[in-house]
Amino acid sequence: MNQLDPLKFFSKLKWIDGNALVIESYRATILREALFSIDGNGRPKYNLGLTGRAKKNWKTADLILAALYRLLAWKSPSGNQCYTLANDQDQAGDDLELAKKIIVVNPIIADAVDVKQKIIERKDGKGFLEILPAGDVVGTHGKTYLFCGFDEIHGYKTWDILEAMQLDPTRPDALMWITSYASIFHRPGVPLFDLLAQGKKGADPRMFFSWYGADYVTDPTFENRSPEEKANPSMGSWQDQDYLAQQQRRLPSHKYRRLHLNLPGSPEGAAFSAEKIMDSIARGVSVRLPLPGVTYHGFVDMSGGSSDDSTLAIAHKDQDGQAILDRVLDQGQRPPFDPRKAVERFAGVLKEYQLSAVTGDRYAGETFRADFQGHGISYRVSELTKSEIYEAIEPLLNGGRVIFLDCANLESQLLGLVWKASKIDHPSGEHDDLANSAAGAINLVLAQPTMGWRPVLGREETARFQQQSAGVTPESVPTPHNGEAPFIIDQQVLIDEERFLSHALWKYWH
């Protein structure tokens, strides 16, 4: 295919300040490989490009340069129709304004196009560069193009607009170019999460993937750099070398991570520190099988089956006093589903961990208590509300006493929890089913009620305690002694304090 090398095209251009356009070597490599690689059939090798790096690293500039190259320099028998979309129409408008500024300082381009409010048209009628409203999914269906650029898709929750603008199979030279920093919504089903996973997997031969993040880079020359350098490959060209330090002081932690380290962030008013959640995840561990001699705790978040998931989490405490999440799962079938099938599924898993009881909220206790009992599982109503459970685990998270499983949905839900007035909850339109059950199980494992004093039990009371391990009647509860004292049996035999505190006896003395 006889096409002009993009680097030759760019070499003749000026930047918006009137000086010669300077493209750093790493950017030149990206632009040339993504735009000018040809496969064995003589067609462009890539029809999808994902490029990611932190803020202020020329992502938008490179997208617009790529669009202008495809508009003006590429020979396409079907025409040079080019579009740009962004996180919102204002962002897309800014992109078009950048293109217009480049045109103004480059007379050779200005002579070849007509610049209008929302479109740049070639004077020969063979193509255009137009912005599209990102929210108009219906209006964008059916369009054919040579180039479609998406700028900053970090706020996209669904694939709707990307699906509407999918490639025309009759155009082998069409290219969809996506550039962004990390997503606010870090979970499967969100476009940027899915695309990033595809890029890392490397299974799509027609996808060009370039990523610079504090935790992951595709460029081997940056592998041994600092996290800041990995995410900001252009920082060496910044005039203000204290820029990142300044931003770290001024921005909330979750915003700094996402904008300047290109790491998944969390929304405004986030309930938990993103760093603490990330640090608490055992990467690569999705389930821990039951072990003999370990005491497990289970917590369910049940639903009616119409929209929300039903979820179960199981956790235990290790020798170091950390809460370890062993299992987290949902009903298995996407909503709508039969919630009683979820009870059956959960009961089977609970029994695998030698559990005969599970804790959950009052709604499920009133609705599904009999269903759990029918499978040999007793249901206990949590004394804490969902928000109180989230509040209770925050100091545990901050203290490094929690280890979560590597579950993308759970991670996303935890990152997405926000303060709403005086309560912690999920944002409107989002879910927290997995987060609720996981937090509930963690809280059961590590909750330590504050005791004003501890009673001393004699042999007779100890025997009654052991005999009533499955349930305590008021008559069997010993009379507490006055004063501070360790919880000792007959002053010599120590009882497992954790077992005592989790027992119904605690409620009597609390």
Foldseek 3Di string as FASTA:
>chain_A
DDFDQLVVVQQQFPALVLHRDDDDPVLSVLLRLLQPDADPVRERQAQEEEAEFFPPQCQLVSLLSSLVCQQPTDDFPQFAEEEEEELFQVVSQVSVVSNVSRCVSPVVNVVQWDDDNFKIAGPVRRYIYGYDGQVCLVVLAPDAHQEYEYEALLAAAACRNVVRNDYDVVGRNHHYYYYHFHHQQFFPRGVVNVVVVCVVVVPDSRYHYAYFALVDGPDVVCPPPHLQCSRRVCLVVDPDVCVLVVCCVVDPQQVSRGRRRSDHGEDPQAPARLVLLVVQEDPPFAAAFADPPFDKAKEWEADQQAADWIKMWMWGADPVRAIETGHIDTLPDHGNDHRLSSLVVVLVVCVSNVAQEHEYAPVCCVVCQVSNVVSRHGYHHDPDDLQVLSVQCRVVSVVSRHHYYPHRLQSSLNRQWHDDPNGIDGPPPDDNRRVSRHSVRRCLHRPDDDAPAEFEAEPQLVVLCVVQLVHDDPVSQDDGDDDHDDHAYNVPHDDDVSSVCSGPSVVVRD
